N, C-alpha and C. Protein backbone atom coordinates (compact mmCIF):
# COMPACT_ATOMS: atom_id res chain seq x y z
N UNK A 1 0.83 -1.19 0.00
CA UNK A 1 0.00 0.00 0.00
C UNK A 1 0.87 1.25 0.00
N UNK A 2 2.04 1.19 0.56
CA UNK A 2 2.89 2.36 0.66
C UNK A 2 3.13 3.00 -0.71
N UNK A 3 3.37 2.21 -1.74
CA UNK A 3 3.62 2.75 -3.06
C UNK A 3 2.40 3.45 -3.64
N UNK A 4 1.20 2.97 -3.31
CA UNK A 4 -0.02 3.57 -3.84
C UNK A 4 -0.29 4.95 -3.24
N UNK A 5 0.10 5.16 -2.02
CA UNK A 5 -0.25 6.40 -1.33
C UNK A 5 0.94 7.31 -1.10
N UNK A 6 2.11 6.91 -1.49
CA UNK A 6 3.33 7.67 -1.20
C UNK A 6 3.25 9.11 -1.66
N UNK A 7 2.76 9.36 -2.86
CA UNK A 7 2.72 10.71 -3.40
C UNK A 7 1.47 11.49 -3.07
N UNK A 8 0.51 10.91 -2.40
CA UNK A 8 -0.76 11.59 -2.16
C UNK A 8 -1.16 11.47 -0.69
N UNK A 9 -0.85 12.48 0.12
CA UNK A 9 -1.18 12.40 1.55
C UNK A 9 -2.68 12.31 1.82
N UNK A 10 -3.51 12.87 0.92
CA UNK A 10 -4.95 12.76 1.13
C UNK A 10 -5.40 11.32 1.03
N UNK A 11 -4.95 10.63 -0.01
CA UNK A 11 -5.31 9.22 -0.16
C UNK A 11 -4.85 8.42 1.05
N UNK A 12 -3.66 8.68 1.51
CA UNK A 12 -3.13 7.99 2.69
C UNK A 12 -4.04 8.25 3.90
N UNK A 13 -4.51 9.49 4.05
CA UNK A 13 -5.38 9.84 5.18
C UNK A 13 -6.73 9.13 5.09
N UNK A 14 -7.30 9.07 3.88
CA UNK A 14 -8.60 8.38 3.71
C UNK A 14 -8.48 6.90 4.05
N UNK A 15 -7.46 6.27 3.50
CA UNK A 15 -7.27 4.83 3.72
C UNK A 15 -6.96 4.56 5.19
N UNK A 16 -6.15 5.42 5.80
CA UNK A 16 -5.83 5.26 7.22
C UNK A 16 -7.08 5.36 8.08
N UNK A 17 -7.95 6.30 7.75
CA UNK A 17 -9.20 6.45 8.51
C UNK A 17 -10.08 5.21 8.35
N UNK A 18 -10.16 4.70 7.13
CA UNK A 18 -10.98 3.50 6.89
C UNK A 18 -10.41 2.29 7.64
N UNK A 19 -9.10 2.15 7.64
CA UNK A 19 -8.48 1.04 8.37
C UNK A 19 -8.73 1.16 9.87
N UNK A 20 -8.71 2.38 10.39
CA UNK A 20 -8.97 2.58 11.82
C UNK A 20 -10.40 2.18 12.17
N UNK A 21 -11.35 2.55 11.32
CA UNK A 21 -12.75 2.16 11.56
C UNK A 21 -12.86 0.64 11.55
N UNK A 22 -12.24 0.00 10.57
CA UNK A 22 -12.30 -1.46 10.50
C UNK A 22 -11.62 -2.09 11.72
N UNK A 23 -10.51 -1.52 12.15
CA UNK A 23 -9.80 -2.04 13.32
C UNK A 23 -10.67 -1.96 14.57
N UNK A 24 -11.40 -0.86 14.71
CA UNK A 24 -12.23 -0.66 15.90
C UNK A 24 -13.52 -1.47 15.86
N UNK A 25 -14.17 -1.54 14.69
CA UNK A 25 -15.47 -2.20 14.61
C UNK A 25 -15.42 -3.63 14.11
N UNK A 26 -14.38 -3.96 13.34
CA UNK A 26 -14.34 -5.28 12.72
C UNK A 26 -15.34 -5.36 11.58
N UNK A 27 -15.70 -6.57 11.21
CA UNK A 27 -16.62 -6.75 10.09
C UNK A 27 -17.99 -7.18 10.59
N UNK A 28 -18.97 -7.13 9.69
CA UNK A 28 -20.29 -7.64 10.02
C UNK A 28 -21.39 -6.61 10.17
N UNK A 29 -21.04 -5.33 10.15
CA UNK A 29 -22.06 -4.30 10.28
C UNK A 29 -22.54 -3.84 8.91
N UNK A 30 -23.66 -3.13 8.89
CA UNK A 30 -24.19 -2.59 7.64
C UNK A 30 -23.48 -1.28 7.30
N UNK A 31 -23.65 -0.85 6.06
CA UNK A 31 -22.99 0.37 5.58
C UNK A 31 -23.24 1.60 6.45
N UNK A 32 -24.48 1.84 6.91
CA UNK A 32 -24.70 3.05 7.72
C UNK A 32 -23.84 3.10 8.99
N UNK A 33 -23.56 1.96 9.58
CA UNK A 33 -22.71 1.92 10.78
C UNK A 33 -21.30 2.40 10.44
N UNK A 34 -20.74 1.84 9.37
CA UNK A 34 -19.40 2.24 8.96
C UNK A 34 -19.37 3.68 8.49
N UNK A 35 -20.43 4.13 7.85
CA UNK A 35 -20.49 5.51 7.37
C UNK A 35 -20.46 6.48 8.56
N UNK A 36 -21.23 6.18 9.58
CA UNK A 36 -21.25 7.06 10.75
C UNK A 36 -19.89 7.06 11.46
N UNK A 37 -19.30 5.88 11.60
CA UNK A 37 -17.99 5.78 12.25
C UNK A 37 -16.91 6.49 11.43
N UNK A 38 -16.97 6.36 10.11
CA UNK A 38 -15.98 7.01 9.27
C UNK A 38 -16.12 8.53 9.32
N UNK A 39 -17.34 9.03 9.44
CA UNK A 39 -17.54 10.47 9.60
C UNK A 39 -16.86 10.95 10.88
N UNK A 40 -16.99 10.18 11.94
CA UNK A 40 -16.32 10.53 13.21
C UNK A 40 -14.80 10.53 13.01
N UNK A 41 -14.30 9.50 12.35
CA UNK A 41 -12.85 9.37 12.13
C UNK A 41 -12.32 10.49 11.24
N UNK A 42 -13.06 10.85 10.19
CA UNK A 42 -12.65 11.98 9.34
C UNK A 42 -12.57 13.25 10.19
N UNK A 43 -13.56 13.47 11.05
CA UNK A 43 -13.56 14.66 11.91
C UNK A 43 -12.36 14.66 12.85
N UNK A 44 -12.08 13.52 13.46
CA UNK A 44 -10.95 13.42 14.37
C UNK A 44 -9.63 13.70 13.66
N UNK A 45 -9.55 13.34 12.39
CA UNK A 45 -8.31 13.53 11.62
C UNK A 45 -8.27 14.85 10.87
N UNK A 46 -9.31 15.65 11.02
CA UNK A 46 -9.33 16.95 10.36
C UNK A 46 -9.52 16.87 8.85
N UNK A 47 -10.14 15.81 8.37
CA UNK A 47 -10.40 15.64 6.94
C UNK A 47 -11.73 16.32 6.62
N UNK A 48 -11.72 17.35 5.77
CA UNK A 48 -12.99 18.01 5.44
C UNK A 48 -13.87 17.10 4.57
N UNK A 49 -15.14 17.00 4.94
CA UNK A 49 -16.05 16.12 4.20
C UNK A 49 -17.48 16.60 4.31
N UNK A 50 -18.29 16.13 3.36
CA UNK A 50 -19.74 16.29 3.39
C UNK A 50 -20.32 14.91 3.20
N UNK A 51 -21.35 14.60 3.96
CA UNK A 51 -22.03 13.31 3.80
C UNK A 51 -23.18 13.48 2.83
N UNK A 52 -23.24 12.57 1.86
CA UNK A 52 -24.33 12.51 0.89
C UNK A 52 -24.63 13.88 0.27
N UNK A 53 -23.58 14.58 -0.13
CA UNK A 53 -23.75 15.86 -0.82
C UNK A 53 -24.50 15.62 -2.13
N UNK A 54 -25.38 16.53 -2.47
CA UNK A 54 -26.17 16.41 -3.71
C UNK A 54 -25.36 17.02 -4.85
N UNK A 55 -24.90 16.16 -5.75
CA UNK A 55 -24.10 16.61 -6.89
C UNK A 55 -24.97 16.54 -8.14
N UNK A 56 -25.16 17.68 -8.83
CA UNK A 56 -26.00 17.67 -10.04
C UNK A 56 -25.38 16.81 -11.14
N UNK A 57 -26.24 16.22 -11.95
CA UNK A 57 -25.80 15.40 -13.08
C UNK A 57 -26.32 16.04 -14.36
N UNK A 58 -25.40 16.25 -15.28
CA UNK A 58 -25.77 16.80 -16.58
C UNK A 58 -25.76 15.68 -17.62
N UNK A 59 -26.78 15.64 -18.43
CA UNK A 59 -26.84 14.71 -19.56
C UNK A 59 -27.07 15.53 -20.81
N UNK A 60 -26.06 15.55 -21.68
CA UNK A 60 -26.12 16.32 -22.93
C UNK A 60 -26.56 17.75 -22.68
N UNK A 61 -26.00 18.33 -21.63
CA UNK A 61 -26.27 19.73 -21.31
C UNK A 61 -27.54 19.97 -20.52
N UNK A 62 -28.28 18.92 -20.23
CA UNK A 62 -29.53 19.07 -19.48
C UNK A 62 -29.30 18.56 -18.05
N UNK A 63 -29.65 19.38 -17.08
CA UNK A 63 -29.50 18.98 -15.69
C UNK A 63 -30.64 18.03 -15.31
N UNK A 64 -30.28 16.83 -14.88
CA UNK A 64 -31.28 15.84 -14.49
C UNK A 64 -31.92 16.21 -13.15
N UNK A 65 -33.13 15.74 -12.93
CA UNK A 65 -33.80 15.95 -11.64
C UNK A 65 -33.14 15.13 -10.54
N UNK A 66 -32.51 14.04 -10.93
CA UNK A 66 -31.85 13.14 -9.99
C UNK A 66 -30.43 13.64 -9.70
N UNK A 67 -30.03 13.56 -8.46
CA UNK A 67 -28.70 13.96 -8.05
C UNK A 67 -27.86 12.73 -7.73
N UNK A 68 -26.54 12.87 -7.84
CA UNK A 68 -25.61 11.85 -7.36
C UNK A 68 -25.32 12.19 -5.91
N UNK A 69 -25.51 11.23 -5.00
CA UNK A 69 -25.27 11.46 -3.58
C UNK A 69 -24.26 10.43 -3.06
N UNK A 70 -22.95 10.72 -3.21
CA UNK A 70 -21.95 9.79 -2.71
C UNK A 70 -21.98 9.75 -1.18
N UNK A 71 -21.46 8.68 -0.61
CA UNK A 71 -21.40 8.59 0.85
C UNK A 71 -20.64 9.77 1.44
N UNK A 72 -19.51 10.10 0.83
CA UNK A 72 -18.70 11.23 1.29
C UNK A 72 -18.14 11.99 0.10
N UNK A 73 -18.07 13.29 0.25
CA UNK A 73 -17.33 14.15 -0.67
C UNK A 73 -16.29 14.84 0.20
N UNK A 74 -15.03 14.48 -0.01
CA UNK A 74 -13.94 15.01 0.81
C UNK A 74 -13.16 16.05 0.03
N UNK A 75 -12.75 17.10 0.73
CA UNK A 75 -11.99 18.19 0.11
C UNK A 75 -12.73 18.76 -1.11
N UNK A 76 -14.03 18.61 -1.17
CA UNK A 76 -14.88 19.10 -2.26
C UNK A 76 -14.55 18.49 -3.62
N UNK A 77 -13.68 17.49 -3.68
CA UNK A 77 -13.29 16.92 -4.98
C UNK A 77 -13.19 15.40 -4.99
N UNK A 78 -13.08 14.77 -3.83
CA UNK A 78 -12.84 13.32 -3.78
C UNK A 78 -14.11 12.61 -3.33
N UNK A 79 -14.62 11.71 -4.15
CA UNK A 79 -15.82 10.93 -3.84
C UNK A 79 -15.40 9.62 -3.18
N UNK A 80 -16.02 9.32 -2.04
CA UNK A 80 -15.76 8.05 -1.35
C UNK A 80 -17.09 7.35 -1.16
N UNK A 81 -17.16 6.13 -1.68
CA UNK A 81 -18.34 5.27 -1.55
C UNK A 81 -17.97 4.07 -0.71
N UNK A 82 -18.78 3.76 0.28
CA UNK A 82 -18.54 2.59 1.13
C UNK A 82 -19.33 1.40 0.60
N UNK A 83 -18.73 0.25 0.70
CA UNK A 83 -19.41 -0.99 0.34
C UNK A 83 -19.06 -2.03 1.40
N UNK A 84 -20.06 -2.79 1.81
CA UNK A 84 -19.82 -3.87 2.77
C UNK A 84 -20.10 -5.20 2.11
N UNK A 85 -19.41 -6.21 2.59
CA UNK A 85 -19.58 -7.57 2.10
C UNK A 85 -19.87 -8.50 3.26
N UNK A 86 -20.73 -9.45 3.04
CA UNK A 86 -20.96 -10.47 4.06
C UNK A 86 -19.75 -11.39 4.12
N UNK A 87 -19.23 -11.72 2.94
CA UNK A 87 -18.01 -12.53 2.86
C UNK A 87 -17.39 -12.34 1.49
N UNK A 88 -16.13 -12.62 1.40
CA UNK A 88 -15.43 -12.51 0.14
C UNK A 88 -15.76 -13.73 -0.73
N UNK A 89 -15.89 -13.49 -2.02
CA UNK A 89 -16.13 -14.60 -2.92
C UNK A 89 -14.88 -14.84 -3.75
N UNK A 90 -14.68 -16.07 -4.15
CA UNK A 90 -13.46 -16.45 -4.85
C UNK A 90 -13.54 -16.23 -6.27
């Protein structure tokens, strides 16, 4: 992982926060649990974020009525989506 995040401290901070949440909670919870915990961890680490920010979607110049609402929008530019698995598949 060090090579993936070496040049980008933001990426390192996001991944570190996610690993801390997993270390504290372990596996088995639903996405909302991890989302709430990650929001706390982002706050503790001073990572600016918005939860489920409404991002407009344009299709051929027309603004759709539907918005994109990612789990987190960090630093106003980085989208983070959480996904949980019951178990890994081979």
